[in-house]
Amino acid sequence: MSGTHVTIKDIAKKLGVSPSTVSRALKDHPEISPKTKKVVTELANLLGYKPNEIALSLRSKKSKVIGLIIPEIVHHFFSSVISGIEEIAIEEGYNVMIFQSNESYTREVLNTQGLYSSRVDGLLVSLAKETKDYEHFRNLLKHNVPIVFFDRICEGLKTDRVIVDDYGGAFEAVQHLIDQGCKRILHMSGSDQLLIGRNRINGYKDALDENNIPLDEDLIVKCDNYEDALAMTADIIKKHPDIDGVFTVNDFTAIGAMKGIKQAGKKIPEDIAVMGFTNSVSSTFTDPTLSSVDQHGTEVGREAIKLLLKRLKDNELEEDHTPQTRIIRTDMIVRDSSRRI
């Protein structure tokens, strides 16, 4: 039978028993004798028998596939999240189908449609920046497809979620800059439509307030990528020459800002200290190395998949479900870009 798929009927024919006997023996049914179970199992292993996963999923109405939608794959945080998700999923016998929205609402909608058509058992999602309408997720919930949001969550839907302590991480980062002597700190922020952006801004503001440093709204600039930071930083410094610290919403923005600071003729950290947010691998390759806030993406992924698998196991109806929120604490990693003292 080399090169063909071995079936229960093939095993039954070789042993001279019924297919139902083979099926029950492979399932360790109590009505089948230990001797028959042993013979059937040994022959099944010898012939390389594998259960038909498609048939099993149709019978159980479970695909054993989890859908994952993320803004982008080529990003340290999200690649770490994927690692955490797959680690637990594989242990529990699930496969993960990964889609990326590329920060596009339209593409995110198409992602959800594609995953629903693929009969995924549940969905893990981090929202795209463009997403303001959540009807596509609402429709999945109506069809009893559980969703767990992580990092970028949907506040308007009754779902489980895993979030990073963005406020605490931002507060600690800005406090560190203040402890290094900074008093005029630029914040390159993310979208205030996303909770993570608002929480990081609030952490920044409260750290200034805690240290009796007046808030200057002109020092909060929407900028969340390398290209924009590189293009904007030198001009911002020219307009505000007293800036002595920069806190960015992510590491890529920080790296762009560092290059812009150098173009402005300033030294890091002597003239301007810099803090990022992600603790990506890139933070160790910069010159000087970049101080950053570690979001623990792998742990975010693990907690997200655990919540989803619990929902699938409990088989609760959405209207009866009390949403759970897991908060992943951050850690500040101090490197040369901010270390003055």
C-alpha atoms as a PDB file:
ATOM      1  CA  MET A   1       0.000   0.000   0.000  1.00  0.00           C
ATOM      2  CA  SER A   2       3.003   2.262  -0.401  1.00  0.00           C
ATOM      3  CA  GLY A   3       2.042   5.705  -1.728  1.00  0.00           C
ATOM      4  CA  THR A   4      -1.654   5.327  -0.820  1.00  0.00           C
ATOM      5  CA  HIS A   5      -3.691   6.418   2.167  1.00  0.00           C
ATOM      6  CA  VAL A   6      -4.320   3.450   4.465  1.00  0.00           C
ATOM      7  CA  THR A   7      -7.935   3.218   5.621  1.00  0.00           C
ATOM      8  CA  ILE A   8      -9.757   1.397   8.387  1.00  0.00           C
ATOM      9  CA  LYS A   9     -11.218  -0.892   5.694  1.00  0.00           C
ATOM     10  CA  ASP A  10      -7.691  -1.877   4.595  1.00  0.00           C
ATOM     11  CA  ILE A  11      -6.774  -2.890   8.142  1.00  0.00           C
ATOM     12  CA  ALA A  12     -10.068  -4.764   8.600  1.00  0.00           C
ATOM     13  CA  LYS A  13      -9.563  -6.698   5.358  1.00  0.00           C
ATOM     14  CA  LYS A  14      -6.060  -7.822   6.347  1.00  0.00           C
ATOM     15  CA  LEU A  15      -7.212  -8.971   9.783  1.00  0.00           C
ATOM     16  CA  GLY A  16     -10.491 -10.522   8.627  1.00  0.00           C
ATOM     17  CA  VAL A  17     -12.612  -8.411  10.959  1.00  0.00           C
ATOM     18  CA  SER A  18     -15.232  -5.728  10.423  1.00  0.00           C
ATOM     19  CA  PRO A  19     -14.276  -2.049   9.913  1.00  0.00           C
ATOM     20  CA  SER A  20     -16.345  -1.156  12.987  1.00  0.00           C
ATOM     21  CA  THR A  21     -14.207  -3.498  15.100  1.00  0.00           C
ATOM     22  CA  VAL A  22     -11.041  -1.798  13.849  1.00  0.00           C
ATOM     23  CA  SER A  23     -12.539   1.638  14.480  1.00  0.00           C
ATOM     24  CA  ARG A  24     -13.549   0.784  18.031  1.00  0.00           C
ATOM     25  CA  ALA A  25     -10.195  -0.877  18.727  1.00  0.00           C
ATOM     26  CA  LEU A  26      -8.323   2.247  17.647  1.00  0.00           C
ATOM     27  CA  LYS A  27     -10.571   4.299  19.936  1.00  0.00           C
ATOM     28  CA  ASP A  28      -9.811   1.949  22.868  1.00  0.00           C
ATOM     29  CA  HIS A  29     -13.477   0.944  23.172  1.00  0.00           C
ATOM     30  CA  PRO A  30     -14.126  -1.187  26.308  1.00  0.00           C
ATOM     31  CA  GLU A  31     -16.104  -3.816  24.359  1.00  0.00           C
ATOM     32  CA  ILE A  32     -13.016  -4.734  22.302  1.00  0.00           C
ATOM     33  CA  SER A  33     -10.640  -7.244  23.902  1.00  0.00           C
ATOM     34  CA  PRO A  34      -7.085  -6.183  24.802  1.00  0.00           C
ATOM     35  CA  LYS A  35      -5.723  -8.819  22.400  1.00  0.00           C
ATOM     36  CA  THR A  36      -7.699  -7.418  19.434  1.00  0.00           C
ATOM     37  CA  LYS A  37      -6.746  -3.862  20.327  1.00  0.00           C
ATOM     38  CA  LYS A  38      -3.077  -4.855  20.369  1.00  0.00           C
ATOM     39  CA  VAL A  39      -3.235  -6.604  16.977  1.00  0.00           C
ATOM     40  CA  VAL A  40      -5.158  -3.749  15.347  1.00  0.00           C
ATOM     41  CA  THR A  41      -2.860  -1.047  16.780  1.00  0.00           C
ATOM     42  CA  GLU A  42       0.311  -2.867  15.750  1.00  0.00           C
ATOM     43  CA  LEU A  43      -0.917  -3.370  12.166  1.00  0.00           C
ATOM     44  CA  ALA A  44      -2.141   0.242  11.948  1.00  0.00           C
ATOM     45  CA  ASN A  45       1.315   1.458  12.997  1.00  0.00           C
ATOM     46  CA  LEU A  46       3.032  -0.931  10.605  1.00  0.00           C
ATOM     47  CA  LEU A  47       0.929   0.240   7.652  1.00  0.00           C
ATOM     48  CA  GLY A  48       1.308   3.906   8.608  1.00  0.00           C
ATOM     49  CA  TYR A  49      -2.389   4.491   9.228  1.00  0.00           C
ATOM     50  CA  LYS A  50      -3.360   8.126   9.941  1.00  0.00           C
ATOM     51  CA  PRO A  51      -6.879   9.251  10.890  1.00  0.00           C
ATOM     52  CA  ASN A  52      -8.709  11.288   8.255  1.00  0.00           C
ATOM     53  CA  GLU A  53      -8.600  14.742   9.851  1.00  0.00           C
ATOM     54  CA  ILE A  54     -11.180  16.191   7.467  1.00  0.00           C
ATOM     55  CA  ALA A  55     -13.675  13.463   8.240  1.00  0.00           C
ATOM     56  CA  LEU A  56     -13.026  13.815  11.954  1.00  0.00           C
ATOM     57  CA  SER A  57     -13.580  17.567  11.817  1.00  0.00           C
ATOM     58  CA  LEU A  58     -16.853  17.131   9.932  1.00  0.00           C
ATOM     59  CA  ARG A  59     -18.114  14.672  12.523  1.00  0.00           C
ATOM     60  CA  SER A  60     -17.017  16.794  15.480  1.00  0.00           C
ATOM     61  CA  LYS A  61     -17.884  20.108  13.778  1.00  0.00           C
ATOM     62  CA  LYS A  62     -14.424  21.280  14.836  1.00  0.00           C
ATOM     63  CA  SER A  63     -11.665  22.147  12.389  1.00  0.00           C
ATOM     64  CA  LYS A  64      -8.901  22.270  15.033  1.00  0.00           C
ATOM     65  CA  VAL A  65      -7.745  25.474  13.322  1.00  0.00           C
ATOM     66  CA  ILE A  66      -7.349  28.859  15.027  1.00  0.00           C
ATOM     67  CA  GLY A  67      -7.445  32.024  12.928  1.00  0.00           C
ATOM     68  CA  LEU A  68      -4.995  34.845  13.675  1.00  0.00           C
ATOM     69  CA  ILE A  69      -5.219  38.398  12.293  1.00  0.00           C
ATOM     70  CA  ILE A  70      -2.350  40.782  12.989  1.00  0.00           C
ATOM     71  CA  PRO A  71      -1.429  44.190  11.534  1.00  0.00           C
ATOM     72  CA  GLU A  72       1.901  42.938  10.183  1.00  0.00           C
ATOM     73  CA  ILE A  73       4.107  39.876  10.428  1.00  0.00           C
ATOM     74  CA  VAL A  74       7.469  41.633   9.936  1.00  0.00           C
ATOM     75  CA  HIS A  75       7.383  43.232  13.375  1.00  0.00           C
ATOM     76  CA  HIS A  76       9.232  41.985  16.442  1.00  0.00           C
ATOM     77  CA  PHE A  77       6.269  42.242  18.797  1.00  0.00           C
ATOM     78  CA  PHE A  78       3.827  40.420  16.514  1.00  0.00           C
ATOM     79  CA  SER A  79       6.334  37.757  15.490  1.00  0.00           C
ATOM     80  CA  SER A  80       6.893  37.126  19.215  1.00  0.00           C
ATOM     81  CA  VAL A  81       3.136  36.888  19.723  1.00  0.00           C
ATOM     82  CA  ILE A  82       2.919  34.299  16.926  1.00  0.00           C
ATOM     83  CA  SER A  83       5.601  32.206  18.631  1.00  0.00           C
ATOM     84  CA  GLY A  84       3.667  32.203  21.903  1.00  0.00           C
ATOM     85  CA  ILE A  85       0.390  31.313  20.182  1.00  0.00           C
ATOM     86  CA  GLU A  86       1.847  28.461  18.120  1.00  0.00           C
ATOM     87  CA  GLU A  87       3.696  27.024  21.124  1.00  0.00           C
ATOM     88  CA  ILE A  88       0.438  26.434  23.011  1.00  0.00           C
ATOM     89  CA  ALA A  89      -1.698  25.665  19.951  1.00  0.00           C
ATOM     90  CA  ILE A  90       0.562  22.840  18.776  1.00  0.00           C
ATOM     91  CA  GLU A  91       0.631  21.331  22.269  1.00  0.00           C
ATOM     92  CA  GLU A  92      -3.180  21.258  22.218  1.00  0.00           C
ATOM     93  CA  GLY A  93      -3.460  19.787  18.718  1.00  0.00           C
ATOM     94  CA  TYR A  94      -4.458  22.977  16.880  1.00  0.00           C
ATOM     95  CA  ASN A  95      -3.082  24.581  13.746  1.00  0.00           C
ATOM     96  CA  VAL A  96      -2.871  28.366  13.319  1.00  0.00           C
ATOM     97  CA  MET A  97      -3.937  30.139  10.115  1.00  0.00           C
ATOM     98  CA  ILE A  98      -2.233  33.562   9.978  1.00  0.00           C
ATOM     99  CA  PHE A  99      -3.552  36.584   8.079  1.00  0.00           C
ATOM    100  CA  GLN A 100      -2.145  40.131   8.145  1.00  0.00           C
ATOM    101  CA  SER A 101      -4.278  43.229   7.684  1.00  0.00           C
ATOM    102  CA  ASN A 102      -1.404  45.576   6.778  1.00  0.00           C
ATOM    103  CA  GLU A 103      -3.224  48.148   8.946  1.00  0.00           C
ATOM    104  CA  SER A 104      -6.118  48.160   6.427  1.00  0.00           C
ATOM    105  CA  TYR A 105      -9.769  47.979   7.530  1.00  0.00           C
ATOM    106  CA  THR A 106     -10.853  46.557   4.164  1.00  0.00           C
ATOM    107  CA  ARG A 107      -8.232  43.857   4.267  1.00  0.00           C
ATOM    108  CA  GLU A 108      -9.157  43.026   7.862  1.00  0.00           C
ATOM    109  CA  VAL A 109     -12.773  42.489   6.779  1.00  0.00           C
ATOM    110  CA  LEU A 110     -11.608  40.186   3.974  1.00  0.00           C
ATOM    111  CA  ASN A 111      -9.416  38.340   6.486  1.00  0.00           C
ATOM    112  CA  THR A 112     -12.396  37.635   8.747  1.00  0.00           C
ATOM    113  CA  GLN A 113     -14.491  36.450   5.805  1.00  0.00           C
ATOM    114  CA  GLY A 114     -11.739  34.132   4.633  1.00  0.00           C
ATOM    115  CA  LEU A 115     -11.213  32.659   8.082  1.00  0.00           C
ATOM    116  CA  TYR A 116     -14.949  32.143   8.616  1.00  0.00           C
ATOM    117  CA  SER A 117     -15.177  30.349   5.249  1.00  0.00           C
ATOM    118  CA  SER A 118     -12.288  28.144   6.384  1.00  0.00           C
ATOM    119  CA  ARG A 119     -14.376  27.084   9.394  1.00  0.00           C
ATOM    120  CA  VAL A 120     -11.870  28.158  12.049  1.00  0.00           C
ATOM    121  CA  ASP A 121     -12.883  27.255  15.580  1.00  0.00           C
ATOM    122  CA  GLY A 122     -11.980  30.672  16.961  1.00  0.00           C
ATOM    123  CA  LEU A 123     -10.158  33.888  16.221  1.00  0.00           C
ATOM    124  CA  LEU A 124      -7.278  35.870  17.736  1.00  0.00           C
ATOM    125  CA  VAL A 125      -7.124  39.508  16.610  1.00  0.00           C
ATOM    126  CA  SER A 126      -5.027  42.644  16.972  1.00  0.00           C
ATOM    127  CA  LEU A 127      -6.859  45.519  15.277  1.00  0.00           C
ATOM    128  CA  ALA A 128      -5.684  47.460  12.229  1.00  0.00           C
ATOM    129  CA  LYS A 129      -5.118  51.199  12.697  1.00  0.00           C
ATOM    130  CA  GLU A 130      -7.855  52.025  10.167  1.00  0.00           C
ATOM    131  CA  THR A 131     -10.577  49.979  11.864  1.00  0.00           C
ATOM    132  CA  LYS A 132     -13.446  52.037  13.251  1.00  0.00           C
ATOM    133  CA  ASP A 133     -16.392  49.779  12.361  1.00  0.00           C
ATOM    134  CA  TYR A 134     -16.497  46.382  14.087  1.00  0.00           C
ATOM    135  CA  GLU A 135     -19.495  44.797  12.345  1.00  0.00           C
ATOM    136  CA  HIS A 136     -17.323  42.100  10.729  1.00  0.00           C
ATOM    137  CA  PHE A 137     -16.314  40.871  14.185  1.00  0.00           C
ATOM    138  CA  ARG A 138     -19.850  41.254  15.498  1.00  0.00           C
ATOM    139  CA  ASN A 139     -21.057  38.943  12.723  1.00  0.00           C
ATOM    140  CA  LEU A 140     -18.572  36.248  13.712  1.00  0.00           C
ATOM    141  CA  LEU A 141     -19.734  36.406  17.319  1.00  0.00           C
ATOM    142  CA  LYS A 142     -23.341  36.041  16.125  1.00  0.00           C
ATOM    143  CA  HIS A 143     -22.266  32.802  14.427  1.00  0.00           C
ATOM    144  CA  ASN A 144     -20.733  31.582  17.708  1.00  0.00           C
ATOM    145  CA  VAL A 145     -17.119  32.010  16.597  1.00  0.00           C
ATOM    146  CA  PRO A 146     -15.301  33.144  19.769  1.00  0.00           C
ATOM    147  CA  ILE A 147     -12.796  35.998  19.473  1.00  0.00           C
ATOM    148  CA  VAL A 148      -9.964  37.047  21.744  1.00  0.00           C
ATOM    149  CA  PHE A 149      -8.455  40.465  21.076  1.00  0.00           C
ATOM    150  CA  PHE A 150      -4.879  41.199  22.114  1.00  0.00           C
ATOM    151  CA  ASP A 151      -2.724  44.335  22.324  1.00  0.00           C
ATOM    152  CA  ARG A 152      -5.007  46.418  20.064  1.00  0.00           C
ATOM    153  CA  ILE A 153      -8.410  45.529  21.424  1.00  0.00           C
ATOM    154  CA  CYS A 154     -12.004  46.358  20.511  1.00  0.00           C
ATOM    155  CA  GLU A 155     -13.526  48.066  23.519  1.00  0.00           C
ATOM    156  CA  GLY A 156     -17.089  47.882  22.187  1.00  0.00           C
ATOM    157  CA  LEU A 157     -17.400  44.084  21.960  1.00  0.00           C
ATOM    158  CA  LYS A 158     -17.979  41.621  24.772  1.00  0.00           C
ATOM    159  CA  THR A 159     -14.902  39.431  24.330  1.00  0.00           C
ATOM    160  CA  ASP A 160     -11.881  38.201  26.208  1.00  0.00           C
ATOM    161  CA  ARG A 161      -8.742  40.269  25.699  1.00  0.00           C
ATOM    162  CA  VAL A 162      -5.053  40.359  26.538  1.00  0.00           C
ATOM    163  CA  ILE A 163      -3.448  43.754  26.927  1.00  0.00           C
ATOM    164  CA  VAL A 164      -0.018  45.075  27.757  1.00  0.00           C
ATOM    165  CA  ASP A 165       0.347  47.522  30.640  1.00  0.00           C
ATOM    166  CA  ASP A 166       0.957  50.362  28.177  1.00  0.00           C
ATOM    167  CA  TYR A 167       0.216  53.064  30.733  1.00  0.00           C
ATOM    168  CA  GLY A 168       2.616  51.662  33.319  1.00  0.00           C
ATOM    169  CA  GLY A 169       5.333  51.043  30.739  1.00  0.00           C
ATOM    170  CA  ALA A 170       5.050  54.593  29.378  1.00  0.00           C
ATOM    171  CA  PHE A 171       5.035  56.129  32.858  1.00  0.00           C
ATOM    172  CA  GLU A 172       8.149  54.187  33.847  1.00  0.00           C
ATOM    173  CA  ALA A 173       9.949  55.111  30.599  1.00  0.00           C
ATOM    174  CA  VAL A 174       9.270  58.826  30.992  1.00  0.00           C
ATOM    175  CA  GLN A 175      10.147  58.699  34.693  1.00  0.00           C
ATOM    176  CA  HIS A 176      13.480  57.168  33.707  1.00  0.00           C
ATOM    177  CA  LEU A 177      14.159  60.051  31.288  1.00  0.00           C
ATOM    178  CA  ILE A 178      13.291  62.540  34.038  1.00  0.00           C
ATOM    179  CA  ASP A 179      15.616  60.740  36.445  1.00  0.00           C
ATOM    180  CA  GLN A 180      18.363  61.185  33.850  1.00  0.00           C
ATOM    181  CA  GLY A 181      17.793  64.951  33.973  1.00  0.00           C
ATOM    182  CA  CYS A 182      15.352  65.419  31.078  1.00  0.00           C
ATOM    183  CA  LYS A 183      12.705  68.136  31.440  1.00  0.00           C
ATOM    184  CA  ARG A 184      11.621  68.829  27.846  1.00  0.00           C
ATOM    185  CA  ILE A 185      10.534  65.430  26.594  1.00  0.00           C
ATOM    186  CA  LEU A 186       9.104  64.896  23.118  1.00  0.00           C
ATOM    187  CA  HIS A 187       6.538  62.114  22.755  1.00  0.00           C
ATOM    188  CA  MET A 188       6.140  60.589  19.307  1.00  0.00           C
ATOM    189  CA  SER A 189       2.732  58.984  19.741  1.00  0.00           C
ATOM    190  CA  GLY A 190       0.538  56.420  18.048  1.00  0.00           C
ATOM    191  CA  SER A 191      -3.073  56.710  16.942  1.00  0.00           C
ATOM    192  CA  ASP A 192      -5.339  58.033  19.703  1.00  0.00           C
ATOM    193  CA  GLN A 193      -8.077  55.865  18.185  1.00  0.00           C
ATOM    194  CA  LEU A 194      -6.294  52.817  19.579  1.00  0.00           C
ATOM    195  CA  LEU A 195      -6.345  52.236  23.334  1.00  0.00           C
ATOM    196  CA  ILE A 196      -2.615  51.477  23.354  1.00  0.00           C
ATOM    197  CA  GLY A 197      -1.891  54.934  21.928  1.00  0.00           C
ATOM    198  CA  ARG A 198      -4.098  56.683  24.476  1.00  0.00           C
ATOM    199  CA  ASN A 199      -2.651  54.721  27.382  1.00  0.00           C
ATOM    200  CA  ARG A 200       0.928  55.545  26.411  1.00  0.00           C
ATOM    201  CA  ILE A 201       0.087  59.232  26.052  1.00  0.00           C
ATOM    202  CA  ASN A 202      -1.585  59.179  29.477  1.00  0.00           C
ATOM    203  CA  GLY A 203       1.456  57.496  31.014  1.00  0.00           C
ATOM    204  CA  TYR A 204       3.652  60.200  29.495  1.00  0.00           C
ATOM    205  CA  LYS A 205       1.427  63.010  30.786  1.00  0.00           C
ATOM    206  CA  ASP A 206       1.073  61.598  34.281  1.00  0.00           C
ATOM    207  CA  ALA A 207       4.834  61.083  34.645  1.00  0.00           C
ATOM    208  CA  LEU A 208       5.364  64.771  33.817  1.00  0.00           C
ATOM    209  CA  ASP A 209       2.627  65.786  36.238  1.00  0.00           C
ATOM    210  CA  GLU A 210       4.051  63.574  39.000  1.00  0.00           C
ATOM    211  CA  ASN A 211       7.350  65.439  38.651  1.00  0.00           C
ATOM    212  CA  ASN A 212       5.789  68.923  38.405  1.00  0.00           C
ATOM    213  CA  ILE A 213       6.936  69.365  34.808  1.00  0.00           C
ATOM    214  CA  PRO A 214       4.459  71.480  32.795  1.00  0.00           C
ATOM    215  CA  LEU A 215       2.801  69.717  29.875  1.00  0.00           C
ATOM    216  CA  ASP A 216       3.513  71.240  26.461  1.00  0.00           C
ATOM    217  CA  GLU A 217       1.011  69.851  23.940  1.00  0.00           C
ATOM    218  CA  ASP A 218       3.370  70.897  21.127  1.00  0.00           C
ATOM    219  CA  LEU A 219       5.714  68.160  22.324  1.00  0.00           C
ATOM    220  CA  ILE A 220       3.154  65.436  21.593  1.00  0.00           C
ATOM    221  CA  VAL A 221       3.471  64.614  17.898  1.00  0.00           C
ATOM    222  CA  LYS A 222       1.663  61.830  16.024  1.00  0.00           C
ATOM    223  CA  CYS A 223       4.443  59.741  14.555  1.00  0.00           C
ATOM    224  CA  ASP A 224       4.580  55.958  14.773  1.00  0.00           C
ATOM    225  CA  ASN A 225       6.988  54.717  12.091  1.00  0.00           C
ATOM    226  CA  TYR A 226      10.629  54.957  11.087  1.00  0.00           C
ATOM    227  CA  GLU A 227      10.123  56.960   7.898  1.00  0.00           C
ATOM    228  CA  ASP A 228       8.049  59.724   9.478  1.00  0.00           C
ATOM    229  CA  ALA A 229      10.346  59.958  12.495  1.00  0.00           C
ATOM    230  CA  LEU A 230      13.384  60.305  10.265  1.00  0.00           C
ATOM    231  CA  ALA A 231      11.669  63.007   8.201  1.00  0.00           C
ATOM    232  CA  MET A 232      10.244  64.967  11.145  1.00  0.00           C
ATOM    233  CA  THR A 233      12.758  64.829  14.014  1.00  0.00           C
ATOM    234  CA  ALA A 234      15.359  67.362  12.860  1.00  0.00           C
ATOM    235  CA  ASP A 235      12.647  69.935  12.099  1.00  0.00           C
ATOM    236  CA  ILE A 236      10.988  69.375  15.487  1.00  0.00           C
ATOM    237  CA  ILE A 237      14.331  69.904  17.246  1.00  0.00           C
ATOM    238  CA  LYS A 238      14.924  73.053  15.207  1.00  0.00           C
ATOM    239  CA  LYS A 239      11.538  74.371  16.328  1.00  0.00           C
ATOM    240  CA  HIS A 240      12.076  73.249  19.940  1.00  0.00           C
ATOM    241  CA  PRO A 241      15.852  73.386  20.517  1.00  0.00           C
ATOM    242  CA  ASP A 242      15.437  72.781  24.247  1.00  0.00           C
ATOM    243  CA  ILE A 243      14.185  69.204  23.764  1.00  0.00           C
ATOM    244  CA  ASP A 244      16.401  66.947  25.881  1.00  0.00           C
ATOM    245  CA  GLY A 245      14.476  63.676  25.800  1.00  0.00           C
ATOM    246  CA  VAL A 246      12.383  61.612  23.365  1.00  0.00           C
ATOM    247  CA  PHE A 247       9.894  58.871  24.213  1.00  0.00           C
ATOM    248  CA  THR A 248       8.436  57.034  21.224  1.00  0.00           C
ATOM    249  CA  VAL A 249       5.450  54.744  20.802  1.00  0.00           C
ATOM    250  CA  ASN A 250       7.616  51.955  19.347  1.00  0.00           C
ATOM    251  CA  ASP A 251      11.237  51.069  18.591  1.00  0.00           C
ATOM    252  CA  PHE A 252      11.119  51.685  14.840  1.00  0.00           C
ATOM    253  CA  THR A 253      10.010  55.255  15.515  1.00  0.00           C
ATOM    254  CA  ALA A 254      12.792  55.632  18.083  1.00  0.00           C
ATOM    255  CA  ILE A 255      15.401  54.425  15.581  1.00  0.00           C
ATOM    256  CA  GLY A 256      14.187  56.967  13.017  1.00  0.00           C
ATOM    257  CA  ALA A 257      14.246  59.673  15.682  1.00  0.00           C
ATOM    258  CA  MET A 258      17.817  58.770  16.659  1.00  0.00           C
ATOM    259  CA  LYS A 259      18.971  59.210  13.096  1.00  0.00           C
ATOM    260  CA  GLY A 260      17.114  62.536  12.919  1.00  0.00           C
ATOM    261  CA  ILE A 261      18.724  63.674  16.165  1.00  0.00           C
ATOM    262  CA  LYS A 262      22.166  62.975  14.724  1.00  0.00           C
ATOM    263  CA  GLN A 263      21.258  64.866  11.552  1.00  0.00           C
ATOM    264  CA  ALA A 264      20.373  67.831  13.783  1.00  0.00           C
ATOM    265  CA  GLY A 265      23.915  67.737  15.173  1.00  0.00           C
ATOM    266  CA  LYS A 266      22.884  66.493  18.612  1.00  0.00           C
ATOM    267  CA  LYS A 267      24.526  63.750  20.676  1.00  0.00           C
ATOM    268  CA  ILE A 268      22.670  60.781  22.188  1.00  0.00           C
ATOM    269  CA  PRO A 269      22.213  60.630  25.177  1.00  0.00           C
ATOM    270  CA  GLU A 270      24.291  63.671  26.218  1.00  0.00           C
ATOM    271  CA  ASP A 271      22.072  66.214  24.449  1.00  0.00           C
ATOM    272  CA  ILE A 272      18.920  64.149  23.923  1.00  0.00           C
ATOM    273  CA  ALA A 273      18.117  60.853  25.661  1.00  0.00           C
ATOM    274  CA  VAL A 274      15.871  58.378  23.821  1.00  0.00           C
ATOM    275  CA  MET A 275      13.429  55.671  24.981  1.00  0.00           C
ATOM    276  CA  GLY A 276      11.555  53.276  22.702  1.00  0.00           C
ATOM    277  CA  PHE A 277       8.742  50.807  23.315  1.00  0.00           C
ATOM    278  CA  THR A 278       8.853  47.135  22.210  1.00  0.00           C
ATOM    279  CA  ASN A 279      12.378  45.954  23.049  1.00  0.00           C
ATOM    280  CA  SER A 280      12.850  44.574  19.556  1.00  0.00           C
ATOM    281  CA  VAL A 281      16.026  42.865  18.389  1.00  0.00           C
ATOM    282  CA  SER A 282      16.828  46.084  16.490  1.00  0.00           C
ATOM    283  CA  SER A 283      17.235  47.944  19.783  1.00  0.00           C
ATOM    284  CA  THR A 284      20.544  46.145  20.376  1.00  0.00           C
ATOM    285  CA  PHE A 285      21.888  46.968  16.899  1.00  0.00           C
ATOM    286  CA  THR A 286      21.591  50.763  17.034  1.00  0.00           C
ATOM    287  CA  ASP A 287      24.435  53.136  17.899  1.00  0.00           C
ATOM    288  CA  PRO A 288      24.053  53.818  20.746  1.00  0.00           C
ATOM    289  CA  THR A 289      21.956  50.837  21.766  1.00  0.00           C
ATOM    290  CA  LEU A 290      18.322  51.751  22.355  1.00  0.00           C
ATOM    291  CA  SER A 291      16.642  51.799  25.769  1.00  0.00           C
ATOM    292  CA  SER A 292      13.155  50.362  25.472  1.00  0.00           C
ATOM    293  CA  VAL A 293      10.098  48.937  27.217  1.00  0.00           C
ATOM    294  CA  ASP A 294       9.735  45.171  26.862  1.00  0.00           C
ATOM    295  CA  GLN A 295       6.140  44.185  26.008  1.00  0.00           C
ATOM    296  CA  HIS A 296       6.746  40.422  26.394  1.00  0.00           C
ATOM    297  CA  GLY A 297       5.035  39.506  23.119  1.00  0.00           C
ATOM    298  CA  THR A 298       5.514  35.768  23.572  1.00  0.00           C
ATOM    299  CA  GLU A 299       3.639  35.908  26.877  1.00  0.00           C
ATOM    300  CA  VAL A 300       0.862  37.950  25.236  1.00  0.00           C
ATOM    301  CA  GLY A 301       0.488  35.206  22.623  1.00  0.00           C
ATOM    302  CA  ARG A 302       0.431  32.433  25.199  1.00  0.00           C
ATOM    303  CA  GLU A 303      -2.248  34.131  27.299  1.00  0.00           C
ATOM    304  CA  ALA A 304      -4.384  34.938  24.245  1.00  0.00           C
ATOM    305  CA  ILE A 305      -4.466  31.355  22.962  1.00  0.00           C
ATOM    306  CA  LYS A 306      -5.091  30.021  26.478  1.00  0.00           C
ATOM    307  CA  LEU A 307      -8.156  32.254  26.838  1.00  0.00           C
ATOM    308  CA  LEU A 308      -9.468  31.180  23.440  1.00  0.00           C
ATOM    309  CA  LEU A 309      -8.950  27.466  24.100  1.00  0.00           C
ATOM    310  CA  LYS A 310     -10.736  27.840  27.432  1.00  0.00           C
ATOM    311  CA  ARG A 311     -13.681  29.438  25.636  1.00  0.00           C
ATOM    312  CA  LEU A 312     -13.749  26.587  23.116  1.00  0.00           C
ATOM    313  CA  LYS A 313     -13.555  24.010  25.887  1.00  0.00           C
ATOM    314  CA  ASP A 314     -16.253  25.622  28.001  1.00  0.00           C
ATOM    315  CA  ASN A 315     -18.456  26.014  24.923  1.00  0.00           C
ATOM    316  CA  GLU A 316     -20.220  28.973  26.514  1.00  0.00           C
ATOM    317  CA  LEU A 317     -22.687  31.108  24.624  1.00  0.00           C
ATOM    318  CA  GLU A 318     -21.491  34.672  24.042  1.00  0.00           C
ATOM    319  CA  GLU A 319     -24.396  36.275  25.881  1.00  0.00           C
ATOM    320  CA  ASP A 320     -23.679  34.155  28.950  1.00  0.00           C
ATOM    321  CA  HIS A 321     -19.955  34.746  28.898  1.00  0.00           C
ATOM    322  CA  THR A 322     -18.248  37.101  31.338  1.00  0.00           C
ATOM    323  CA  PRO A 323     -15.255  38.518  29.446  1.00  0.00           C
ATOM    324  CA  GLN A 324     -11.840  38.133  31.013  1.00  0.00           C
ATOM    325  CA  THR A 325      -8.925  40.538  30.673  1.00  0.00           C
ATOM    326  CA  ARG A 326      -5.313  39.532  31.141  1.00  0.00           C
ATOM    327  CA  ILE A 327      -2.765  42.325  31.692  1.00  0.00           C
ATOM    328  CA  ILE A 328       0.868  41.616  30.813  1.00  0.00           C
ATOM    329  CA  ARG A 329       3.306  43.703  32.816  1.00  0.00           C
ATOM    330  CA  THR A 330       6.151  45.466  31.055  1.00  0.00           C
ATOM    331  CA  ASP A 331       9.835  45.772  31.931  1.00  0.00           C
ATOM    332  CA  MET A 332      12.110  48.702  31.186  1.00  0.00           C
ATOM    333  CA  ILE A 333      15.411  47.786  29.537  1.00  0.00           C
ATOM    334  CA  VAL A 334      17.954  50.570  29.984  1.00  0.00           C
ATOM    335  CA  ARG A 335      20.700  50.810  27.363  1.00  0.00           C
ATOM    336  CA  ASP A 336      23.077  53.515  26.152  1.00  0.00           C
ATOM    337  CA  SER A 337      20.558  55.794  24.382  1.00  0.00           C
ATOM    338  CA  SER A 338      19.198  57.057  27.716  1.00  0.00           C
ATOM    339  CA  ARG A 339      21.870  56.260  30.262  1.00  0.00           C
ATOM    340  CA  ARG A 340      23.412  59.508  31.498  1.00  0.00           C
ATOM    341  CA  ILE A 341      23.889  58.762  35.176  1.00  0.00           C
END
